[in-house]
Amino acid sequence: MIKYIQVKTILNTVKGSDDWFGLKYNLNLYRGCTHRCIYCDSRSECYQIENFDHDIIVKENALELLQKELPKKRVRGTVGFGSMNDPYQHIEKKLNMTVRALEIMREWDMPVHLITKSNLVLRDIRILKEIGKIYSAVSFTITTGITLMPVLPFITDTEDNIISIVEKAKEYGAKYIIPAFGMTLRDRQRAYYYDRLDEKFPGLSDKYRAKYKNYYSAGAPGYKKLSKVFYEKCAELGILTKIPKYNAGIGIQGTLF
């Protein structure tokens, strides 16, 4: 169900330093997400999103607020799209809120970072390249190997989707791969994940409970070996393992992904 709400503010300052993406501000145009990825931490109780998998909440006055709030930000910094949803989830095709927000960012010369699983981001390559004169980056999530795609309900993980985005990433100068050897598990999200596991692999959640108990972090089996191989290969190929962050002193970043 799609619900429309009015909000009081839209551009939030990130507390502390963001080591992953170098964000200064967060922007969430939507609450909830139609991708329904079974590992998504945004289901956790701390985010207070009820019916995460069924309701999409659209912040109807978000773009109006963004026009008012951006000029008040004294410090230029990277605005992150997609911290609690995918800015290119299915409803974006109809509402075009993400692309309109990007147009506002371009108007105010604000650097941006987007994290997504959808090749709908390719629709906005032109404007992202324009913002890239200041700084723009796209992080595309790949969650599993192609052989598991028909089994696990990752709606956007299709072979065509991944191949198209990887090819474009190469074309536009992909520089980095950020590894995450595992996932997070807590309260409501943990329960949801285990239920979905048991639908496809009966009994598998028992092994998770025995290994991870109530831990927040669930590292992949063989993490140390995976990590060693990954970092050695990236070093060999000249691939960065951290995102090049916006530098106000430089102000120019010409590639995406």
C-alpha atoms as a PDB file:
ATOM      1  CA  MET A   1       0.000   0.000   0.000  1.00  0.00           C
ATOM      2  CA  ILE A   2       1.274   3.464  -0.867  1.00  0.00           C
ATOM      3  CA  LYS A   3       0.791   6.170   1.744  1.00  0.00           C
ATOM      4  CA  TYR A   4       1.556   9.858   1.381  1.00  0.00           C
ATOM      5  CA  ILE A   5       2.683  11.929   4.363  1.00  0.00           C
ATOM      6  CA  GLN A   6       3.888  15.441   5.122  1.00  0.00           C
ATOM      7  CA  VAL A   7       7.194  15.733   7.000  1.00  0.00           C
ATOM      8  CA  LYS A   8       8.828  18.603   8.883  1.00  0.00           C
ATOM      9  CA  THR A   9      12.368  18.080   7.651  1.00  0.00           C
ATOM     10  CA  ILE A  10      14.082  16.039   4.937  1.00  0.00           C
ATOM     11  CA  LEU A  11      17.858  16.597   5.052  1.00  0.00           C
ATOM     12  CA  ASN A  12      19.455  15.095   8.147  1.00  0.00           C
ATOM     13  CA  THR A  13      23.036  15.578   9.307  1.00  0.00           C
ATOM     14  CA  VAL A  14      24.965  12.335   9.781  1.00  0.00           C
ATOM     15  CA  LYS A  15      26.223  12.020  13.343  1.00  0.00           C
ATOM     16  CA  GLY A  16      29.935  11.446  13.659  1.00  0.00           C
ATOM     17  CA  SER A  17      32.066  10.368  10.711  1.00  0.00           C
ATOM     18  CA  ASP A  18      30.824   7.981   8.045  1.00  0.00           C
ATOM     19  CA  ASP A  19      33.705   5.629   7.290  1.00  0.00           C
ATOM     20  CA  TRP A  20      31.756   3.691   4.627  1.00  0.00           C
ATOM     21  CA  PHE A  21      30.645   6.424   2.241  1.00  0.00           C
ATOM     22  CA  GLY A  22      31.852   9.721   3.672  1.00  0.00           C
ATOM     23  CA  LEU A  23      28.339  11.118   4.040  1.00  0.00           C
ATOM     24  CA  LYS A  24      27.618  14.470   5.649  1.00  0.00           C
ATOM     25  CA  TYR A  25      23.840  14.342   5.136  1.00  0.00           C
ATOM     26  CA  ASN A  26      21.167  11.685   4.641  1.00  0.00           C
ATOM     27  CA  LEU A  27      18.139  12.002   2.373  1.00  0.00           C
ATOM     28  CA  ASN A  28      15.255   9.517   2.454  1.00  0.00           C
ATOM     29  CA  LEU A  29      12.429  10.377   0.076  1.00  0.00           C
ATOM     30  CA  TYR A  30      10.609   7.138   0.891  1.00  0.00           C
ATOM     31  CA  ARG A  31      10.115   4.918   3.919  1.00  0.00           C
ATOM     32  CA  GLY A  32       9.805   1.214   3.257  1.00  0.00           C
ATOM     33  CA  CYS A  33      10.999  -0.540   0.134  1.00  0.00           C
ATOM     34  CA  THR A  34       9.376  -2.734  -2.496  1.00  0.00           C
ATOM     35  CA  HIS A  35      12.559  -4.745  -3.086  1.00  0.00           C
ATOM     36  CA  ARG A  36      11.893  -6.664   0.168  1.00  0.00           C
ATOM     37  CA  CYS A  37      15.445  -7.997   0.413  1.00  0.00           C
ATOM     38  CA  ILE A  38      15.430 -10.646   3.124  1.00  0.00           C
ATOM     39  CA  TYR A  39      18.587  -9.298   4.800  1.00  0.00           C
ATOM     40  CA  CYS A  40      17.555  -5.614   5.029  1.00  0.00           C
ATOM     41  CA  ASP A  41      18.362  -4.096   8.424  1.00  0.00           C
ATOM     42  CA  SER A  42      15.726  -1.373   7.949  1.00  0.00           C
ATOM     43  CA  ARG A  43      13.146  -3.843   9.289  1.00  0.00           C
ATOM     44  CA  SER A  44      14.762  -3.536  12.710  1.00  0.00           C
ATOM     45  CA  GLU A  45      12.637  -2.029  15.446  1.00  0.00           C
ATOM     46  CA  CYS A  46      14.930   0.971  15.962  1.00  0.00           C
ATOM     47  CA  TYR A  47      13.858   2.432  12.596  1.00  0.00           C
ATOM     48  CA  GLN A  48      10.171   2.368  13.558  1.00  0.00           C
ATOM     49  CA  ILE A  49       8.929   1.352  10.110  1.00  0.00           C
ATOM     50  CA  GLU A  50       5.877  -0.787  10.634  1.00  0.00           C
ATOM     51  CA  ASN A  51       4.774  -3.104   7.813  1.00  0.00           C
ATOM     52  CA  PHE A  52       8.127  -2.563   6.102  1.00  0.00           C
ATOM     53  CA  ASP A  53       7.353  -5.134   3.400  1.00  0.00           C
ATOM     54  CA  HIS A  54       3.843  -3.944   2.615  1.00  0.00           C
ATOM     55  CA  ASP A  55       3.639  -0.159   3.012  1.00  0.00           C
ATOM     56  CA  ILE A  56       5.592   2.410   1.015  1.00  0.00           C
ATOM     57  CA  ILE A  57       5.463   5.831   2.610  1.00  0.00           C
ATOM     58  CA  VAL A  58       6.089   8.734   0.254  1.00  0.00           C
ATOM     59  CA  LYS A  59       7.234  12.013   1.770  1.00  0.00           C
ATOM     60  CA  GLU A  60       4.984  14.161  -0.349  1.00  0.00           C
ATOM     61  CA  ASN A  61       6.575  17.524   0.486  1.00  0.00           C
ATOM     62  CA  ALA A  62      10.174  16.265   0.399  1.00  0.00           C
ATOM     63  CA  LEU A  63      11.295  18.186  -2.681  1.00  0.00           C
ATOM     64  CA  GLU A  64       9.801  21.454  -1.466  1.00  0.00           C
ATOM     65  CA  LEU A  65      11.610  21.049   1.848  1.00  0.00           C
ATOM     66  CA  LEU A  66      14.859  20.166   0.105  1.00  0.00           C
ATOM     67  CA  GLN A  67      14.790  23.461  -1.819  1.00  0.00           C
ATOM     68  CA  LYS A  68      14.419  25.309   1.484  1.00  0.00           C
ATOM     69  CA  GLU A  69      16.920  23.325   3.545  1.00  0.00           C
ATOM     70  CA  LEU A  70      19.875  23.048   1.164  1.00  0.00           C
ATOM     71  CA  PRO A  71      20.703  26.795   1.154  1.00  0.00           C
ATOM     72  CA  LYS A  72      20.852  26.709   4.960  1.00  0.00           C
ATOM     73  CA  LYS A  73      23.605  24.090   5.063  1.00  0.00           C
ATOM     74  CA  ARG A  74      26.797  26.023   5.719  1.00  0.00           C
ATOM     75  CA  VAL A  75      29.059  23.040   5.140  1.00  0.00           C
ATOM     76  CA  ARG A  76      29.050  21.408   1.731  1.00  0.00           C
ATOM     77  CA  GLY A  77      29.141  17.638   2.093  1.00  0.00           C
ATOM     78  CA  THR A  78      28.023  14.454   0.410  1.00  0.00           C
ATOM     79  CA  VAL A  79      24.280  13.796   0.515  1.00  0.00           C
ATOM     80  CA  GLY A  80      23.489  10.097   0.743  1.00  0.00           C
ATOM     81  CA  PHE A  81      20.440   8.646  -0.993  1.00  0.00           C
ATOM     82  CA  GLY A  82      19.190   5.259   0.145  1.00  0.00           C
ATOM     83  CA  SER A  83      20.183   4.689   3.770  1.00  0.00           C
ATOM     84  CA  MET A  84      16.820   3.066   4.654  1.00  0.00           C
ATOM     85  CA  ASN A  85      15.366   2.265   1.241  1.00  0.00           C
ATOM     86  CA  ASP A  86      16.386   2.013  -2.375  1.00  0.00           C
ATOM     87  CA  PRO A  87      16.016   5.411  -4.087  1.00  0.00           C
ATOM     88  CA  TYR A  88      15.344   3.492  -7.323  1.00  0.00           C
ATOM     89  CA  GLN A  89      12.720   1.091  -6.036  1.00  0.00           C
ATOM     90  CA  HIS A  90       9.774   0.432  -8.318  1.00  0.00           C
ATOM     91  CA  ILE A  91       7.645   3.434  -7.321  1.00  0.00           C
ATOM     92  CA  GLU A  92      10.411   5.780  -8.498  1.00  0.00           C
ATOM     93  CA  LYS A  93       9.488   4.933 -12.094  1.00  0.00           C
ATOM     94  CA  LYS A  94       6.137   6.602 -11.502  1.00  0.00           C
ATOM     95  CA  LEU A  95       6.948   9.431  -9.089  1.00  0.00           C
ATOM     96  CA  ASN A  96      10.447  10.496 -10.268  1.00  0.00           C
ATOM     97  CA  MET A  97      11.295  11.907  -6.856  1.00  0.00           C
ATOM     98  CA  THR A  98      14.920  10.773  -6.892  1.00  0.00           C
ATOM     99  CA  VAL A  99      15.698  12.354 -10.237  1.00  0.00           C
ATOM    100  CA  ARG A 100      13.998  15.575  -9.216  1.00  0.00           C
ATOM    101  CA  ALA A 101      16.017  15.615  -5.989  1.00  0.00           C
ATOM    102  CA  LEU A 102      19.179  15.141  -8.054  1.00  0.00           C
ATOM    103  CA  GLU A 103      18.202  18.158 -10.154  1.00  0.00           C
ATOM    104  CA  ILE A 104      18.011  20.193  -6.956  1.00  0.00           C
ATOM    105  CA  MET A 105      21.418  18.878  -5.866  1.00  0.00           C
ATOM    106  CA  ARG A 106      22.853  19.960  -9.199  1.00  0.00           C
ATOM    107  CA  GLU A 107      21.345  23.414  -8.756  1.00  0.00           C
ATOM    108  CA  TRP A 108      23.144  23.823  -5.408  1.00  0.00           C
ATOM    109  CA  ASP A 109      26.382  22.041  -6.380  1.00  0.00           C
ATOM    110  CA  MET A 110      25.983  19.400  -3.695  1.00  0.00           C
ATOM    111  CA  PRO A 111      27.976  16.149  -3.935  1.00  0.00           C
ATOM    112  CA  VAL A 112      25.899  12.968  -3.837  1.00  0.00           C
ATOM    113  CA  HIS A 113      26.223   9.259  -3.189  1.00  0.00           C
ATOM    114  CA  LEU A 114      23.506   6.737  -4.090  1.00  0.00           C
ATOM    115  CA  ILE A 115      23.283   3.102  -3.076  1.00  0.00           C
ATOM    116  CA  THR A 116      20.933   0.926  -5.104  1.00  0.00           C
ATOM    117  CA  LYS A 117      20.210  -2.528  -6.478  1.00  0.00           C
ATOM    118  CA  SER A 118      18.277  -1.369  -9.521  1.00  0.00           C
ATOM    119  CA  ASN A 119      19.497  -0.558 -12.993  1.00  0.00           C
ATOM    120  CA  LEU A 120      16.923   2.247 -13.039  1.00  0.00           C
ATOM    121  CA  VAL A 121      19.870   4.362 -11.889  1.00  0.00           C
ATOM    122  CA  LEU A 122      21.051   4.228 -15.501  1.00  0.00           C
ATOM    123  CA  ARG A 123      18.142   6.513 -16.383  1.00  0.00           C
ATOM    124  CA  ASP A 124      19.872   9.318 -14.460  1.00  0.00           C
ATOM    125  CA  ILE A 125      23.448   8.862 -15.666  1.00  0.00           C
ATOM    126  CA  ARG A 126      23.442  12.217 -17.481  1.00  0.00           C
ATOM    127  CA  ILE A 127      22.583  14.267 -14.416  1.00  0.00           C
ATOM    128  CA  LEU A 128      24.918  12.193 -12.233  1.00  0.00           C
ATOM    129  CA  LYS A 129      27.776  12.972 -14.610  1.00  0.00           C
ATOM    130  CA  GLU A 130      26.940  16.665 -14.353  1.00  0.00           C
ATOM    131  CA  ILE A 131      26.948  16.511 -10.543  1.00  0.00           C
ATOM    132  CA  GLY A 132      30.213  14.569 -10.856  1.00  0.00           C
ATOM    133  CA  LYS A 133      31.973  17.813 -11.743  1.00  0.00           C
ATOM    134  CA  ILE A 134      31.699  18.387  -7.993  1.00  0.00           C
ATOM    135  CA  TYR A 135      31.356  14.746  -6.856  1.00  0.00           C
ATOM    136  CA  SER A 136      28.948  11.887  -7.475  1.00  0.00           C
ATOM    137  CA  ALA A 137      29.209   8.187  -6.736  1.00  0.00           C
ATOM    138  CA  VAL A 138      26.936   5.177  -7.114  1.00  0.00           C
ATOM    139  CA  SER A 139      27.342   1.996  -5.080  1.00  0.00           C
ATOM    140  CA  PHE A 140      25.515  -0.951  -6.609  1.00  0.00           C
ATOM    141  CA  THR A 141      24.716  -3.871  -4.310  1.00  0.00           C
ATOM    142  CA  ILE A 142      25.303  -7.424  -5.484  1.00  0.00           C
ATOM    143  CA  THR A 143      24.188  -9.898  -2.860  1.00  0.00           C
ATOM    144  CA  THR A 144      24.612 -13.406  -4.189  1.00  0.00           C
ATOM    145  CA  GLY A 145      25.902 -15.576  -7.003  1.00  0.00           C
ATOM    146  CA  ILE A 146      23.834 -16.125 -10.122  1.00  0.00           C
ATOM    147  CA  THR A 147      23.138 -19.777  -9.204  1.00  0.00           C
ATOM    148  CA  LEU A 148      21.199 -18.733  -6.079  1.00  0.00           C
ATOM    149  CA  MET A 149      19.120 -16.031  -7.746  1.00  0.00           C
ATOM    150  CA  PRO A 150      16.172 -18.301  -8.669  1.00  0.00           C
ATOM    151  CA  VAL A 151      16.001 -19.546  -5.074  1.00  0.00           C
ATOM    152  CA  LEU A 152      16.359 -16.511  -2.862  1.00  0.00           C
ATOM    153  CA  PRO A 153      13.766 -13.711  -3.063  1.00  0.00           C
ATOM    154  CA  PHE A 154      16.018 -10.801  -3.949  1.00  0.00           C
ATOM    155  CA  ILE A 155      13.650  -9.126  -6.370  1.00  0.00           C
ATOM    156  CA  THR A 156      16.197  -6.993  -8.212  1.00  0.00           C
ATOM    157  CA  ASP A 157      18.939  -9.622  -8.329  1.00  0.00           C
ATOM    158  CA  THR A 158      18.481 -10.879 -11.846  1.00  0.00           C
ATOM    159  CA  GLU A 159      21.299 -11.825 -14.173  1.00  0.00           C
ATOM    160  CA  ASP A 160      20.276  -9.199 -16.753  1.00  0.00           C
ATOM    161  CA  ASN A 161      20.065  -6.494 -14.092  1.00  0.00           C
ATOM    162  CA  ILE A 162      23.516  -7.231 -12.703  1.00  0.00           C
ATOM    163  CA  ILE A 163      25.204  -7.640 -16.094  1.00  0.00           C
ATOM    164  CA  SER A 164      23.769  -4.352 -17.373  1.00  0.00           C
ATOM    165  CA  ILE A 165      24.925  -2.386 -14.348  1.00  0.00           C
ATOM    166  CA  VAL A 166      28.389  -3.985 -14.261  1.00  0.00           C
ATOM    167  CA  GLU A 167      28.931  -3.202 -17.935  1.00  0.00           C
ATOM    168  CA  LYS A 168      27.925   0.417 -17.385  1.00  0.00           C
ATOM    169  CA  ALA A 169      30.083   0.621 -14.276  1.00  0.00           C
ATOM    170  CA  LYS A 170      33.098  -0.414 -16.351  1.00  0.00           C
ATOM    171  CA  GLU A 171      32.158   2.101 -19.030  1.00  0.00           C
ATOM    172  CA  TYR A 172      31.939   4.956 -16.525  1.00  0.00           C
ATOM    173  CA  GLY A 173      35.181   4.148 -14.728  1.00  0.00           C
ATOM    174  CA  ALA A 174      34.318   1.899 -11.777  1.00  0.00           C
ATOM    175  CA  LYS A 175      36.995   2.300  -9.122  1.00  0.00           C
ATOM    176  CA  TYR A 176      36.031   0.392  -6.012  1.00  0.00           C
ATOM    177  CA  ILE A 177      34.444  -2.686  -4.458  1.00  0.00           C
ATOM    178  CA  ILE A 178      33.341  -2.404  -0.837  1.00  0.00           C
ATOM    179  CA  PRO A 179      33.267  -5.882   0.741  1.00  0.00           C
ATOM    180  CA  ALA A 180      30.785  -7.014   3.389  1.00  0.00           C
ATOM    181  CA  PHE A 181      31.534 -10.599   4.314  1.00  0.00           C
ATOM    182  CA  GLY A 182      28.298 -11.273   6.167  1.00  0.00           C
ATOM    183  CA  MET A 183      25.239  -9.366   7.298  1.00  0.00           C
ATOM    184  CA  THR A 184      23.513  -7.838  10.309  1.00  0.00           C
ATOM    185  CA  LEU A 185      20.867  -9.599  12.373  1.00  0.00           C
ATOM    186  CA  ARG A 186      18.757  -8.032  15.095  1.00  0.00           C
ATOM    187  CA  ASP A 187      15.267  -8.326  16.586  1.00  0.00           C
ATOM    188  CA  ARG A 188      12.521  -8.038  13.959  1.00  0.00           C
ATOM    189  CA  GLN A 189      14.920  -8.396  11.036  1.00  0.00           C
ATOM    190  CA  ARG A 190      16.432 -11.585  12.481  1.00  0.00           C
ATOM    191  CA  ALA A 191      12.991 -13.174  12.869  1.00  0.00           C
ATOM    192  CA  TYR A 192      12.007 -12.249   9.317  1.00  0.00           C
ATOM    193  CA  TYR A 193      15.254 -13.575   7.847  1.00  0.00           C
ATOM    194  CA  TYR A 194      14.981 -16.904   9.638  1.00  0.00           C
ATOM    195  CA  ASP A 195      11.366 -17.347   8.504  1.00  0.00           C
ATOM    196  CA  ARG A 196      12.363 -16.780   4.882  1.00  0.00           C
ATOM    197  CA  LEU A 197      15.301 -19.166   5.202  1.00  0.00           C
ATOM    198  CA  ASP A 198      13.064 -21.936   6.507  1.00  0.00           C
ATOM    199  CA  GLU A 199      10.668 -21.463   3.593  1.00  0.00           C
ATOM    200  CA  LYS A 200      13.453 -22.276   1.113  1.00  0.00           C
ATOM    201  CA  PHE A 201      15.845 -24.329   3.241  1.00  0.00           C
ATOM    202  CA  PRO A 202      13.918 -26.020   6.092  1.00  0.00           C
ATOM    203  CA  GLY A 203      15.978 -26.273   9.259  1.00  0.00           C
ATOM    204  CA  LEU A 204      18.791 -23.984   8.124  1.00  0.00           C
ATOM    205  CA  SER A 205      17.835 -21.258  10.604  1.00  0.00           C
ATOM    206  CA  ASP A 206      18.683 -23.635  13.476  1.00  0.00           C
ATOM    207  CA  LYS A 207      22.320 -23.540  12.364  1.00  0.00           C
ATOM    208  CA  TYR A 208      22.209 -19.742  12.303  1.00  0.00           C
ATOM    209  CA  ARG A 209      20.750 -19.611  15.823  1.00  0.00           C
ATOM    210  CA  ALA A 210      23.432 -21.948  17.126  1.00  0.00           C
ATOM    211  CA  LYS A 211      26.261 -19.998  15.519  1.00  0.00           C
ATOM    212  CA  TYR A 212      25.162 -16.357  15.828  1.00  0.00           C
ATOM    213  CA  LYS A 213      22.821 -16.461  18.859  1.00  0.00           C
ATOM    214  CA  ASN A 214      21.690 -12.841  19.392  1.00  0.00           C
ATOM    215  CA  TYR A 215      24.787 -11.231  17.879  1.00  0.00           C
ATOM    216  CA  TYR A 216      24.259  -8.153  15.741  1.00  0.00           C
ATOM    217  CA  SER A 217      26.934  -9.113  13.216  1.00  0.00           C
ATOM    218  CA  ALA A 218      26.826 -12.421  11.365  1.00  0.00           C
ATOM    219  CA  GLY A 219      30.121 -12.939   9.596  1.00  0.00           C
ATOM    220  CA  ALA A 220      30.350 -15.300   6.650  1.00  0.00           C
ATOM    221  CA  PRO A 221      31.932 -18.725   7.240  1.00  0.00           C
ATOM    222  CA  GLY A 222      35.578 -18.610   6.219  1.00  0.00           C
ATOM    223  CA  TYR A 223      35.641 -14.828   6.617  1.00  0.00           C
ATOM    224  CA  LYS A 224      39.405 -14.603   7.142  1.00  0.00           C
ATOM    225  CA  LYS A 225      40.194 -16.676   4.059  1.00  0.00           C
ATOM    226  CA  LEU A 226      37.658 -14.807   1.931  1.00  0.00           C
ATOM    227  CA  SER A 227      39.017 -11.488   3.115  1.00  0.00           C
ATOM    228  CA  LYS A 228      42.620 -12.433   2.368  1.00  0.00           C
ATOM    229  CA  VAL A 229      41.803 -13.609  -1.165  1.00  0.00           C
ATOM    230  CA  PHE A 230      39.646 -10.557  -1.842  1.00  0.00           C
ATOM    231  CA  TYR A 231      42.147  -7.930  -0.744  1.00  0.00           C
ATOM    232  CA  GLU A 232      45.054  -9.646  -2.477  1.00  0.00           C
ATOM    233  CA  LYS A 233      43.135  -9.845  -5.763  1.00  0.00           C
ATOM    234  CA  CYS A 234      41.998  -6.223  -5.565  1.00  0.00           C
ATOM    235  CA  ALA A 235      45.565  -5.112  -4.912  1.00  0.00           C
ATOM    236  CA  GLU A 236      46.717  -7.142  -7.904  1.00  0.00           C
ATOM    237  CA  LEU A 237      44.083  -5.592 -10.186  1.00  0.00           C
ATOM    238  CA  GLY A 238      44.365  -2.059  -8.824  1.00  0.00           C
ATOM    239  CA  ILE A 239      40.797  -2.004  -7.494  1.00  0.00           C
ATOM    240  CA  LEU A 240      40.105   0.208  -4.482  1.00  0.00           C
ATOM    241  CA  THR A 241      38.398  -1.386  -1.475  1.00  0.00           C
ATOM    242  CA  LYS A 242      37.164   1.920  -0.075  1.00  0.00           C
ATOM    243  CA  ILE A 243      35.114   4.557  -1.821  1.00  0.00           C
ATOM    244  CA  PRO A 244      36.959   7.717  -2.951  1.00  0.00           C
ATOM    245  CA  LYS A 245      35.249  10.329  -0.798  1.00  0.00           C
ATOM    246  CA  TYR A 246      34.343  13.916  -1.576  1.00  0.00           C
ATOM    247  CA  ASN A 247      37.181  16.311  -0.832  1.00  0.00           C
ATOM    248  CA  ALA A 248      36.064  19.914  -0.520  1.00  0.00           C
ATOM    249  CA  GLY A 249      39.595  21.050  -1.242  1.00  0.00           C
ATOM    250  CA  ILE A 250      39.610  19.255  -4.596  1.00  0.00           C
ATOM    251  CA  GLY A 251      35.964  19.422  -5.568  1.00  0.00           C
ATOM    252  CA  ILE A 252      36.270  17.383  -8.752  1.00  0.00           C
ATOM    253  CA  GLN A 253      35.407  13.690  -9.174  1.00  0.00           C
ATOM    254  CA  GLY A 254      34.760  12.611 -12.698  1.00  0.00           C
ATOM    255  CA  THR A 255      33.768   8.942 -12.528  1.00  0.00           C
ATOM    256  CA  LEU A 256      30.856   6.967 -11.174  1.00  0.00           C
ATOM    257  CA  PHE A 257      30.595   3.583  -9.409  1.00  0.00           C
END
